[in-house]
N, C-alpha and C. Protein backbone atom coordinates (compact mmCIF):
# COMPACT_ATOMS: atom_id res chain seq x y z
N MET A 1 213.31 140.34 59.07
CA MET A 1 214.33 141.59 59.46
C MET A 1 215.26 140.68 59.51
N SER A 2 215.98 139.88 59.76
CA SER A 2 217.61 139.51 59.62
C SER A 2 218.43 139.47 58.61
N LEU A 3 217.08 138.57 57.76
CA LEU A 3 217.98 138.78 56.04
C LEU A 3 218.01 139.78 56.10
N LEU A 4 217.40 140.85 55.78
CA LEU A 4 216.97 142.17 55.89
C LEU A 4 219.12 142.81 55.31
N LEU A 5 218.91 142.72 57.39
CA LEU A 5 220.04 143.00 57.58
C LEU A 5 221.55 142.43 57.56
N ALA A 6 220.69 141.54 56.99
CA ALA A 6 222.12 140.50 56.13
C ALA A 6 222.94 141.01 54.99
N ALA A 7 221.26 141.17 54.15
CA ALA A 7 221.80 141.92 52.76
C ALA A 7 222.14 143.43 52.38
N VAL A 8 222.12 143.98 53.37
CA VAL A 8 222.64 145.30 53.73
C VAL A 8 223.61 145.38 54.47
N ALA A 9 225.18 145.61 53.75
CA ALA A 9 225.69 146.41 54.59
C ALA A 9 225.93 147.75 55.63
N ALA A 10 225.83 148.13 57.06
CA ALA A 10 225.85 148.95 57.81
C ALA A 10 226.51 149.85 57.63
N PHE A 11 226.59 151.39 57.58
CA PHE A 11 227.47 152.17 57.42
C PHE A 11 226.66 153.64 58.08
N GLU A 12 227.98 154.37 58.88
CA GLU A 12 227.81 155.17 59.51
C GLU A 12 227.56 156.48 59.11
N LEU A 13 227.10 157.30 59.44
CA LEU A 13 226.32 158.44 58.54
C LEU A 13 226.58 159.62 59.71
N GLN A 14 226.98 160.87 59.06
CA GLN A 14 227.38 161.98 59.73
C GLN A 14 225.43 163.11 59.68
N LEU A 15 224.84 163.80 60.81
CA LEU A 15 224.12 164.17 60.08
C LEU A 15 223.63 165.50 60.93
N PRO A 16 223.55 166.08 60.05
CA PRO A 16 223.14 168.04 60.85
C PRO A 16 223.13 167.98 61.62
N ILE A 17 222.96 168.35 62.76
CA ILE A 17 222.49 168.26 63.91
C ILE A 17 222.56 169.68 65.26
N MET A 18 221.74 170.04 65.59
CA MET A 18 222.11 171.69 66.61
C MET A 18 222.26 170.72 68.10
N CYS A 19 223.31 171.81 68.63
CA CYS A 19 223.54 171.20 70.09
C CYS A 19 223.67 172.41 70.49
N GLY A 20 223.97 172.65 71.96
CA GLY A 20 223.94 173.96 72.78
C GLY A 20 223.56 173.72 74.41
N PRO A 21 223.35 174.81 75.08
CA PRO A 21 223.70 174.06 76.80
C PRO A 21 221.97 173.88 76.55
N THR A 22 221.69 173.00 77.59
CA THR A 22 220.99 172.26 77.77
C THR A 22 219.68 173.68 78.25
N GLU A 23 219.96 174.31 78.71
CA GLU A 23 218.85 174.92 79.51
C GLU A 23 218.10 176.02 78.46
N ASN A 24 219.20 176.20 77.64
CA ASN A 24 218.24 177.27 76.61
C ASN A 24 217.59 176.11 75.30
N LEU A 25 218.24 175.27 74.90
CA LEU A 25 217.45 174.32 74.24
C LEU A 25 216.11 173.21 74.46
N LEU A 26 216.22 172.94 76.26
CA LEU A 26 214.63 173.05 76.85
C LEU A 26 213.77 174.36 76.75
N ALA A 27 214.91 175.84 76.68
CA ALA A 27 213.39 176.69 76.85
C ALA A 27 213.27 176.69 75.61
N GLY A 28 213.22 176.16 74.93
CA GLY A 28 212.75 176.45 72.99
C GLY A 28 211.80 175.75 72.79
N LEU A 29 212.24 174.63 73.26
CA LEU A 29 211.03 173.74 73.18
C LEU A 29 209.64 173.79 74.02
N ARG A 30 210.21 173.78 74.92
CA ARG A 30 208.94 174.73 75.93
C ARG A 30 207.76 176.01 75.42
N GLU A 31 208.93 176.92 75.45
CA GLU A 31 208.55 178.03 75.09
C GLU A 31 208.18 178.25 73.48
N ARG A 32 208.67 178.38 72.48
CA ARG A 32 208.71 178.87 70.98
C ARG A 32 207.69 177.83 70.40
N TYR A 33 208.10 176.74 71.25
CA TYR A 33 207.39 175.08 70.55
C TYR A 33 205.94 174.48 71.07
N GLN A 34 206.22 174.73 72.56
CA GLN A 34 205.18 174.77 73.38
C GLN A 34 204.90 172.57 73.80
N GLU A 35 206.26 172.47 73.44
CA GLU A 35 206.59 171.11 73.50
C GLU A 35 206.99 170.60 74.62
N GLN A 36 205.99 169.44 74.88
CA GLN A 36 206.20 168.57 76.16
C GLN A 36 207.63 167.26 76.37
N MET A 37 207.72 166.85 76.86
CA MET A 37 208.49 165.95 77.08
C MET A 37 207.37 164.53 77.45
N ILE A 38 207.32 163.41 76.43
CA ILE A 38 206.19 162.33 76.38
C ILE A 38 207.64 160.89 76.41
N PHE A 39 208.72 161.16 76.43
CA PHE A 39 208.85 159.77 76.66
C PHE A 39 210.81 159.90 77.10
N MET A 40 211.53 159.19 77.69
CA MET A 40 212.84 159.89 78.41
C MET A 40 213.49 158.43 78.42
N SER A 41 214.77 158.06 78.26
CA SER A 41 215.26 156.94 78.31
C SER A 41 217.25 157.12 78.96
N PRO A 42 217.76 156.69 80.26
CA PRO A 42 218.64 157.14 80.36
C PRO A 42 219.65 156.73 78.85
N SER A 43 221.07 156.56 78.52
CA SER A 43 222.16 155.47 78.61
C SER A 43 223.58 156.39 78.97
N LYS A 44 224.94 155.86 78.14
CA LYS A 44 225.92 156.36 79.06
C LYS A 44 226.75 156.03 77.51
N ASN A 45 227.33 157.27 77.07
CA ASN A 45 227.68 157.30 76.19
C ASN A 45 229.82 157.03 75.93
N GLU A 46 230.33 156.36 75.41
CA GLU A 46 231.88 155.59 75.07
C GLU A 46 232.22 156.01 75.97
N ILE A 47 232.39 157.08 76.44
CA ILE A 47 233.17 157.31 77.72
C ILE A 47 232.88 157.75 78.95
N GLY A 48 231.52 157.21 78.78
CA GLY A 48 230.80 157.51 80.62
C GLY A 48 230.01 158.49 80.69
N ASN A 49 229.60 159.39 79.43
CA ASN A 49 229.08 160.56 80.36
C ASN A 49 227.69 160.13 80.39
N ASP A 50 227.32 160.48 80.80
CA ASP A 50 225.43 160.71 81.33
C ASP A 50 224.67 161.01 79.62
N LEU A 51 224.22 160.17 79.25
CA LEU A 51 223.11 161.02 78.31
C LEU A 51 221.60 160.21 78.62
N THR A 52 220.53 161.57 78.60
CA THR A 52 219.23 161.38 78.86
C THR A 52 218.50 161.14 77.31
N HIS A 53 217.82 160.26 76.43
CA HIS A 53 217.38 160.68 75.06
C HIS A 53 215.93 160.69 75.63
N SER A 54 215.02 162.02 74.63
CA SER A 54 213.95 162.69 75.22
C SER A 54 213.14 162.44 73.57
N PHE A 55 211.93 162.55 74.10
CA PHE A 55 210.96 162.37 72.77
C PHE A 55 210.28 163.97 73.08
N TRP A 56 210.17 164.92 72.78
CA TRP A 56 209.36 165.52 72.66
C TRP A 56 207.94 165.86 71.93
N MET A 57 206.62 166.16 72.29
CA MET A 57 205.81 166.63 71.08
C MET A 57 204.60 167.49 71.14
N ASN A 58 204.36 168.06 70.89
CA ASN A 58 203.06 169.31 71.45
C ASN A 58 201.49 168.58 70.25
N PRO A 59 200.66 168.02 70.84
CA PRO A 59 199.49 167.85 70.33
C PRO A 59 199.03 168.83 69.60
N ASP A 60 198.72 170.03 69.94
CA ASP A 60 197.64 170.79 69.19
C ASP A 60 198.54 171.19 67.67
N THR A 61 200.21 171.82 67.77
CA THR A 61 200.01 172.15 66.42
C THR A 61 201.30 170.96 66.30
N GLN A 62 201.18 169.69 66.27
CA GLN A 62 201.60 168.53 65.88
C GLN A 62 203.26 168.98 65.47
N THR A 63 204.12 169.18 66.33
CA THR A 63 205.49 169.57 65.65
C THR A 63 205.64 168.21 66.89
N TRP A 64 207.18 167.80 66.68
CA TRP A 64 208.25 166.38 67.16
C TRP A 64 209.30 167.19 67.71
N SER A 65 209.65 167.07 68.63
CA SER A 65 211.84 166.82 68.76
C SER A 65 212.43 165.74 69.45
N PHE A 66 213.25 164.85 68.70
CA PHE A 66 213.98 164.09 69.22
C PHE A 66 215.59 164.37 70.22
N ILE A 67 215.41 164.93 71.23
CA ILE A 67 217.26 165.27 71.57
C ILE A 67 217.52 164.31 71.71
N VAL A 68 218.82 164.52 72.77
CA VAL A 68 220.14 163.73 73.86
C VAL A 68 220.77 164.95 74.33
N THR A 69 220.05 164.44 75.46
CA THR A 69 221.53 165.10 76.41
C THR A 69 222.07 164.36 76.92
N ASN A 70 223.87 165.66 77.39
CA ASN A 70 224.62 165.18 78.33
C ASN A 70 224.76 165.55 79.43
N LYS A 71 224.82 164.90 80.39
CA LYS A 71 224.48 165.59 81.64
C LYS A 71 225.82 166.51 81.77
N GLN A 72 226.56 165.20 81.73
CA GLN A 72 227.77 166.09 82.29
C GLN A 72 228.64 167.13 81.76
N LYS A 73 228.34 167.33 80.47
CA LYS A 73 228.30 168.63 79.59
C LYS A 73 227.36 169.77 79.76
N GLU A 74 226.28 169.09 80.39
CA GLU A 74 225.48 170.75 80.61
C GLU A 74 225.21 170.82 78.38
N GLN A 75 225.19 169.65 77.94
CA GLN A 75 224.92 170.22 76.42
C GLN A 75 223.79 169.38 75.93
N THR A 76 222.46 169.59 75.31
CA THR A 76 221.76 169.01 74.67
C THR A 76 222.01 169.35 72.54
N CYS A 77 221.72 167.99 72.31
CA CYS A 77 221.33 168.06 70.84
C CYS A 77 219.82 167.60 70.27
N ILE A 78 219.72 168.64 69.61
CA ILE A 78 218.52 168.17 68.69
C ILE A 78 218.47 166.86 67.97
N ILE A 79 218.29 166.13 67.51
CA ILE A 79 218.99 165.09 67.00
C ILE A 79 217.49 164.75 65.74
N ALA A 80 216.54 165.28 65.51
CA ALA A 80 215.60 165.28 64.92
C ALA A 80 214.51 166.52 65.13
N SER A 81 213.97 166.60 63.98
CA SER A 81 212.34 168.02 64.48
C SER A 81 211.26 167.66 62.85
N GLY A 82 210.32 167.57 63.34
CA GLY A 82 209.46 168.25 62.77
C GLY A 82 207.86 167.98 63.18
N ASP A 83 207.16 168.01 62.02
CA ASP A 83 205.21 168.36 62.50
C ASP A 83 204.94 167.30 61.56
N LYS A 84 203.50 167.11 61.47
CA LYS A 84 202.80 166.73 61.28
C LYS A 84 202.91 165.08 61.39
N PHE A 85 203.13 164.74 62.69
CA PHE A 85 203.28 163.24 63.17
C PHE A 85 201.52 162.62 63.00
N GLN A 86 201.42 161.44 63.18
CA GLN A 86 200.61 160.68 63.39
C GLN A 86 201.41 159.51 65.21
N LEU A 87 199.51 159.32 65.33
CA LEU A 87 200.64 158.53 67.16
C LEU A 87 199.18 157.01 67.05
N PHE A 88 199.83 156.17 67.36
CA PHE A 88 199.61 155.16 66.86
C PHE A 88 199.37 154.17 68.12
N PRO A 89 198.23 153.68 68.33
CA PRO A 89 197.69 153.19 69.80
C PRO A 89 199.32 151.69 69.85
N PRO A 90 199.67 151.69 71.32
CA PRO A 90 200.57 150.49 71.56
C PRO A 90 199.84 149.48 71.40
N GLN A 91 200.57 147.62 69.99
CA GLN A 91 199.87 146.88 70.09
C GLN A 91 199.11 146.29 71.20
N GLY A 92 197.97 145.24 70.99
CA GLY A 92 197.45 144.96 72.01
C GLY A 92 196.35 145.97 72.96
N THR A 93 196.29 146.90 72.85
CA THR A 93 195.15 147.62 73.40
C THR A 93 194.21 148.31 72.62
N SER A 94 192.94 148.69 73.51
CA SER A 94 191.57 148.49 72.84
C SER A 94 191.82 150.19 72.57
N THR A 95 191.28 150.54 71.70
CA THR A 95 190.51 151.91 71.02
C THR A 95 189.81 152.95 71.70
């Protein structure tokens, strides 16, 4: 993989993402899509605000959303979302 990274120049890309008040966006994930959070990881942005990255999904409808929440601003952005996911067991576990 390091050879691939050395051969390809990285660049920044602005994606169209939807942002809004955390309470409203989380309610939409829960009520409209019946998604539940299955992964969460904290971080900080460049000015020190607390961020929470989380992955939400509905196993019945196969919808999913990857979001980031800025706690200080009470703002959440949907980074990506979709449907028809496929789950893979972690390596080294039996099925």
